[in-house]
Protein backbone atom coordinates (compact mmCIF):
# COMPACT_ATOMS: atom_id res chain seq x y z
CA UNK A 1 4.60 8.60 8.17
CA UNK A 2 1.40 8.24 6.42
CA UNK A 3 2.16 8.60 2.86
CA UNK A 4 -0.02 11.44 0.90
CA UNK A 5 -2.35 11.23 -1.72
CA UNK A 6 0.40 13.95 -3.50
CA UNK A 7 4.03 13.69 -3.86
CA UNK A 8 6.61 13.95 -5.60
CA UNK A 9 8.97 10.63 -7.26
CA UNK A 10 12.80 11.02 -7.64
CA UNK A 11 15.02 8.32 -8.87
CA UNK A 12 18.90 8.56 -8.39
CA UNK A 13 21.54 5.95 -8.93
CA UNK A 14 25.32 6.76 -8.28
CA UNK A 15 27.71 5.99 -10.44
CA UNK A 16 31.48 5.59 -9.40
CA UNK A 17 31.68 9.55 -9.36
CA UNK A 18 28.38 11.14 -9.27
CA UNK A 19 26.08 10.96 -6.41
CA UNK A 20 23.08 11.26 -7.65
CA UNK A 21 21.32 10.25 -4.15
CA UNK A 22 23.05 12.89 -2.30
CA UNK A 23 21.60 15.58 -4.97
CA UNK A 24 18.22 13.97 -4.27
CA UNK A 25 18.04 14.53 -0.91
CA UNK A 26 19.47 18.06 -1.22
CA UNK A 27 16.61 18.22 -3.80
CA UNK A 28 13.79 17.13 -1.65
CA UNK A 29 14.42 19.47 1.26
CA UNK A 30 13.78 22.03 -1.34
CA UNK A 31 10.49 20.09 -2.87
CA UNK A 32 9.45 20.22 0.86
CA UNK A 33 9.88 23.77 1.54
CA UNK A 34 8.51 25.34 -1.86
CA UNK A 35 6.07 22.58 -2.50
CA UNK A 36 4.66 21.45 1.07
CA UNK A 37 4.66 17.75 -0.36
CA UNK A 38 6.18 14.89 0.86
CA UNK A 39 9.12 12.77 -1.55
CA UNK A 40 9.87 9.32 -2.44
CA UNK A 41 12.95 8.09 -3.53
CA UNK A 42 13.95 4.84 -5.97
CA UNK A 43 17.68 3.86 -5.92
CA UNK A 44 19.42 0.58 -5.19
CA UNK A 45 20.89 -0.92 -2.05
CA UNK A 46 24.55 -0.19 -2.43
CA UNK A 47 23.76 3.83 -3.68
CA UNK A 48 21.51 4.36 -0.60
CA UNK A 49 23.87 2.84 1.98
CA UNK A 50 26.77 4.54 0.84
CA UNK A 51 25.66 8.09 0.73
CA UNK A 52 23.90 7.44 3.99
CA UNK A 53 27.10 6.63 5.04
CA UNK A 54 28.60 9.52 3.66
CA UNK A 55 26.49 12.12 4.87
CA UNK A 56 25.29 10.94 8.14
CA UNK A 57 23.28 12.79 10.35
CA UNK A 58 22.71 15.74 7.48
CA UNK A 59 19.88 13.35 6.55
CA UNK A 60 17.11 14.13 8.31
CA UNK A 61 14.61 10.61 8.94
CA UNK A 62 11.38 12.81 7.27
CA UNK A 63 13.22 13.60 3.93
CA UNK A 64 11.75 10.55 2.13
CA UNK A 65 8.34 9.50 3.11
CA UNK A 66 9.33 6.24 1.63
CA UNK A 67 12.54 4.81 0.34
CA UNK A 68 12.14 2.51 -2.36
CA UNK A 69 15.25 -0.32 -3.36
CA UNK A 70 15.04 -1.88 -6.33
CA UNK A 71 17.49 -4.42 -7.77
CA UNK A 72 20.05 -2.92 -10.70
CA UNK A 73 20.33 -4.54 -14.10
CA UNK A 74 24.14 -5.00 -13.76
CA UNK A 75 24.20 -5.65 -17.16
CA UNK A 76 22.59 -2.42 -18.25
CA UNK A 77 24.74 -0.70 -15.47
CA UNK A 78 28.16 -1.95 -17.13
CA UNK A 79 26.73 -1.09 -20.96
CA UNK A 80 24.98 2.32 -20.94
CA UNK A 81 27.96 4.64 -20.69
CA UNK A 82 27.49 7.95 -20.79
CA UNK A 83 30.18 11.83 -21.52
CA UNK A 84 29.80 13.51 -17.97
CA UNK A 85 31.16 17.00 -19.17
CA UNK A 86 32.30 19.47 -16.37
CA UNK A 87 31.58 22.46 -19.15
CA UNK A 88 34.16 21.94 -22.11
CA UNK A 89 37.36 21.11 -19.90
CA UNK A 90 36.42 18.36 -18.20
CA UNK A 91 34.95 14.61 -19.39
CA UNK A 92 34.64 11.71 -17.90
CA UNK A 93 33.25 8.51 -19.14
CA UNK A 94 31.03 6.71 -16.63
CA UNK A 95 27.82 4.34 -15.81
CA UNK A 96 24.61 5.78 -16.72
CA UNK A 97 21.72 3.85 -14.83
CA UNK A 98 18.68 5.71 -16.28
CA UNK A 99 16.16 2.13 -17.41
CA UNK A 100 13.53 2.14 -14.46
CA UNK A 101 11.49 5.17 -15.36
CA UNK A 102 9.16 3.32 -17.08
CA UNK A 103 7.84 1.27 -13.69
CA UNK A 104 6.91 4.98 -12.43
CA UNK A 105 3.25 3.88 -11.96
CA UNK A 106 4.06 0.33 -10.61
CA UNK A 107 6.58 1.77 -7.49
CA UNK A 108 4.90 5.04 -6.54
CA UNK A 109 3.49 5.43 -3.29
CA UNK A 110 1.18 8.13 -4.09
CA UNK A 111 -2.30 8.55 -5.96
CA UNK A 112 -0.68 11.84 -7.65
CA UNK A 113 2.80 11.68 -8.74
CA UNK A 114 5.30 14.36 -10.42
CA UNK A 115 8.38 12.05 -11.06
CA UNK A 116 11.47 14.07 -11.53
CA UNK A 117 15.06 13.72 -11.94
CA UNK A 118 17.25 14.16 -9.20
CA UNK A 119 19.10 17.00 -11.12
CA UNK A 120 16.29 19.32 -11.58
CA UNK A 121 16.43 21.53 -9.03
CA UNK A 122 13.12 23.08 -7.65
CA UNK A 123 13.43 26.55 -6.31
CA UNK A 124 9.70 27.44 -6.39
CA UNK A 125 5.95 25.95 -5.91
CA UNK A 126 5.20 26.07 -9.53
CA UNK A 127 4.86 22.74 -9.95
CA UNK A 128 2.29 22.74 -7.47
CA UNK A 129 -0.46 23.71 -10.18
CA UNK A 130 -0.14 20.22 -11.53
CA UNK A 131 -2.21 18.54 -8.53
CA UNK A 132 -5.76 17.85 -9.62
CA UNK A 133 -5.42 18.69 -12.93
CA UNK A 134 -7.82 17.29 -15.41
CA UNK A 135 -5.26 15.95 -17.49
CA UNK A 136 -3.85 12.36 -16.56
CA UNK A 137 -0.76 13.12 -17.64
CA UNK A 138 1.37 15.59 -18.24
CA UNK A 139 4.96 16.25 -20.20
CA UNK A 140 6.76 18.55 -21.84
CA UNK A 141 7.77 18.52 -25.25
CA UNK A 142 9.93 21.39 -25.72
CA UNK A 143 12.09 23.64 -23.50
CA UNK A 144 13.69 27.20 -22.74
CA UNK A 145 17.06 27.50 -22.29
CA UNK A 146 18.71 29.06 -19.70
CA UNK A 147 20.41 32.01 -21.86
CA UNK A 148 17.78 31.99 -23.59
CA UNK A 149 19.45 32.16 -27.57
CA UNK A 150 20.92 28.96 -27.57
CA UNK A 151 20.02 26.25 -30.23
CA UNK A 152 21.02 22.44 -29.91
CA UNK A 153 20.62 20.13 -33.02
CA UNK A 154 19.82 17.41 -31.32
CA UNK A 155 17.42 18.43 -28.53
CA UNK A 156 14.30 19.61 -30.55
CA UNK A 157 13.73 15.65 -31.97
CA UNK A 158 15.33 12.43 -31.61
CA UNK A 159 16.80 13.09 -35.21
CA UNK A 160 16.70 15.60 -37.78
CA UNK A 161 13.74 14.14 -39.89
CA UNK A 162 12.15 12.67 -37.06
CA UNK A 163 9.51 12.28 -34.35
CA UNK A 164 9.70 15.68 -31.52
CA UNK A 165 11.43 15.26 -28.67
CA UNK A 166 9.79 14.82 -25.14
CA UNK A 167 11.67 15.39 -22.21
CA UNK A 168 11.21 12.83 -19.10
CA UNK A 169 12.92 15.07 -16.61
CA UNK A 170 9.47 16.04 -15.23
CA UNK A 171 6.19 13.63 -15.65
CA UNK A 172 3.06 14.47 -14.18
CA UNK A 173 0.68 11.68 -13.64
CA UNK A 174 -2.56 10.17 -11.94
CA UNK A 175 -3.36 6.80 -10.66
CA UNK A 176 -5.96 6.12 -13.88
CA UNK A 177 -6.65 3.77 -17.08
CA UNK A 178 -5.17 6.58 -19.04
CA UNK A 179 -2.04 6.75 -17.21
CA UNK A 180 -1.60 3.34 -16.67
CA UNK A 181 -1.86 2.45 -20.24
CA UNK A 182 0.81 4.87 -20.79
CA UNK A 183 3.49 3.56 -18.67
CA UNK A 184 2.37 -0.29 -20.29
CA UNK A 185 3.57 1.45 -23.51
CA UNK A 186 6.49 2.97 -21.89
CA UNK A 187 7.61 -0.49 -20.68
CA UNK A 188 7.09 -1.86 -24.72
CA UNK A 189 9.93 0.57 -25.94
CA UNK A 190 11.56 0.13 -22.67
CA UNK A 191 11.89 -3.94 -23.10
CA UNK A 192 12.09 -3.39 -26.81
CA UNK A 193 14.12 -0.57 -27.17
CA UNK A 194 17.16 -1.55 -29.74
CA UNK A 195 14.04 -2.55 -32.44
CA UNK A 196 12.57 0.93 -31.49
CA UNK A 197 15.35 2.51 -31.35
CA UNK A 198 16.74 1.67 -34.43
CA UNK A 199 13.26 2.14 -36.10
CA UNK A 200 12.91 5.86 -35.38
CA UNK A 201 16.60 6.33 -36.16
CA UNK A 202 17.37 7.93 -32.75
CA UNK A 203 20.62 9.96 -32.97
CA UNK A 204 22.34 8.65 -29.66
CA UNK A 205 23.26 5.05 -28.89
CA UNK A 206 23.01 5.85 -25.27
CA UNK A 207 19.70 4.13 -23.86
CA UNK A 208 17.42 8.17 -22.79
CA UNK A 209 14.33 8.23 -21.36
CA UNK A 210 13.89 11.05 -23.43
CA UNK A 211 13.76 8.88 -26.67
CA UNK A 212 11.68 6.22 -24.61
CA UNK A 213 9.04 8.83 -24.00
CA UNK A 214 9.08 10.20 -27.32
CA UNK A 215 8.40 6.63 -28.81
CA UNK A 216 5.67 6.00 -26.35
CA UNK A 217 3.80 9.38 -27.06
CA UNK A 218 4.08 8.88 -30.82
CA UNK A 219 2.56 5.43 -30.23
CA UNK A 220 -0.12 6.91 -27.52
CA UNK A 221 -1.08 10.03 -29.74
CA UNK A 222 -2.08 7.23 -32.42
CA UNK A 223 1.39 7.83 -34.69
CA UNK A 224 -0.05 11.59 -35.25
CA UNK A 225 1.88 14.60 -35.06
CA UNK A 226 -0.33 15.94 -32.49
CA UNK A 227 1.48 16.35 -28.58
CA UNK A 228 0.46 14.91 -25.09
CA UNK A 229 -0.37 17.71 -22.61
CA UNK A 230 2.45 19.65 -21.62
CA UNK A 231 3.02 20.76 -17.65
CA UNK A 232 1.47 23.82 -16.88
CA UNK A 233 5.70 25.24 -16.80
CA UNK A 234 7.82 25.34 -18.73
CA UNK A 235 10.92 23.42 -18.82
CA UNK A 236 14.15 25.47 -18.31
CA UNK A 237 17.57 23.50 -19.07
CA UNK A 238 21.18 24.27 -18.41
CA UNK A 239 23.32 22.14 -20.37
CA UNK A 240 26.70 20.39 -19.52
CA UNK A 241 29.14 23.15 -20.71
CA UNK A 242 27.26 25.27 -17.94
CA UNK A 243 28.46 25.25 -14.59
CA UNK A 244 26.48 26.46 -10.95
CA UNK A 245 28.56 29.48 -9.00
CA UNK A 246 26.77 29.30 -5.66
CA UNK A 247 23.55 28.91 -3.83
CA UNK A 248 22.24 32.08 -2.58
CA UNK A 249 19.68 30.39 -0.59
CA UNK A 250 16.49 27.65 -1.24
CA UNK A 251 15.09 30.22 -3.72
CA UNK A 252 18.00 31.25 -5.67
CA UNK A 253 21.15 29.84 -7.18
CA UNK A 254 23.86 31.72 -9.52
CA UNK A 255 25.26 29.93 -12.36
CA UNK A 256 27.79 30.32 -14.96
CA UNK A 257 26.38 30.23 -18.71
CA UNK A 258 28.57 29.41 -21.84
CA UNK A 259 27.61 32.01 -24.25
CA UNK A 260 26.09 31.54 -27.55
CA UNK A 261 29.01 30.19 -30.45
CA UNK A 262 31.23 31.17 -28.30
CA UNK A 263 33.40 28.07 -26.34
CA UNK A 264 34.56 28.60 -23.14
CA UNK A 265 33.39 32.08 -22.64
CA UNK A 266 31.04 32.77 -19.80
CA UNK A 267 28.06 35.32 -18.51
CA UNK A 268 27.15 34.94 -14.63
CA UNK A 269 23.72 34.99 -14.07
CA UNK A 270 20.93 33.81 -11.23
CA UNK A 271 17.63 32.17 -11.17
CA UNK A 272 15.24 32.69 -8.48
CA UNK A 273 11.52 30.51 -8.12
CA UNK A 274 12.28 29.26 -11.64
CA UNK A 275 13.00 25.23 -11.56
CA UNK A 276 15.92 24.15 -13.66
CA UNK A 277 17.32 21.11 -15.42
CA UNK A 278 21.13 20.92 -14.39
CA UNK A 279 22.91 19.03 -16.89
CA UNK A 280 26.61 19.54 -15.69
CA UNK A 281 26.09 16.66 -12.83
CA UNK A 282 29.31 17.66 -11.21
CA UNK A 283 28.63 21.38 -10.65
CA UNK A 284 25.18 20.13 -9.14
CA UNK A 285 26.98 17.67 -6.86
CA UNK A 286 29.01 20.49 -5.57
CA UNK A 287 26.60 22.43 -4.44
CA UNK A 288 24.42 19.86 -3.08
CA UNK A 289 26.46 20.00 0.30
CA UNK A 290 25.99 23.59 0.24
CA UNK A 291 21.99 23.55 -0.64
CA UNK A 292 22.48 20.52 2.60
CA UNK A 293 24.26 23.26 4.69
CA UNK A 294 21.36 25.60 4.93
CA UNK A 295 19.07 22.93 5.62
CA UNK A 296 21.17 21.05 8.60
């Protein structure tokens, strides 16, 4: 298959209970349906083989124009443990492999790339506004809550008195000297994460790309309060206290959102044509089969 100039690069590494590759496959079908661009996958051999064996014929041959296999850092995989929540009622501690994002510039097969988390569901074509943009790099430094009324103390800055948070969930870049320099800064922060984490007094001990990108952005902009260019669409976040109810179509999902300041009390809502970041990976894994069922 000929590699196009523009495309979406998805990172997906399974852990013992969350099948990120399956989520990425479902999302790639939605991306191609809405945006009419190719997708490439970055994963490890074990994750890909296990998911391919599980799904079998549900993986169409052209879902990815390229599958880029990288080797996992075993020590990082064992030590970077996060709490995965399925609303407030269930939680598990599992490995979270997310260390490779800084290598996207070197690995992408595209001249223009949108790199996204597997759990960023693409329900429309709004990201097509990025292609051919005058900005070489675009990343959001703020977000819109899916409920619209909730605020969380650990999402606006790397700490209460620290630099602004950038969200590594969706990033646009092209092949340019500016983008190359940006990714070299990202690698430096990634490779010296303990030092920078302490220097910037980040709240969470977990390795987070959001912290890496936030620190790199602060450096890239000359250690000022100026922001890098944002994507032309807002980032919508749902949090792990929310859950997915069902998939009505490739354009529309139904969600159950926890009400502000009322733990365990929910409201039913739907999202149509709006891309959304789903932090409840359990819920996303459950509905991935539903998405694939609408395609296969």
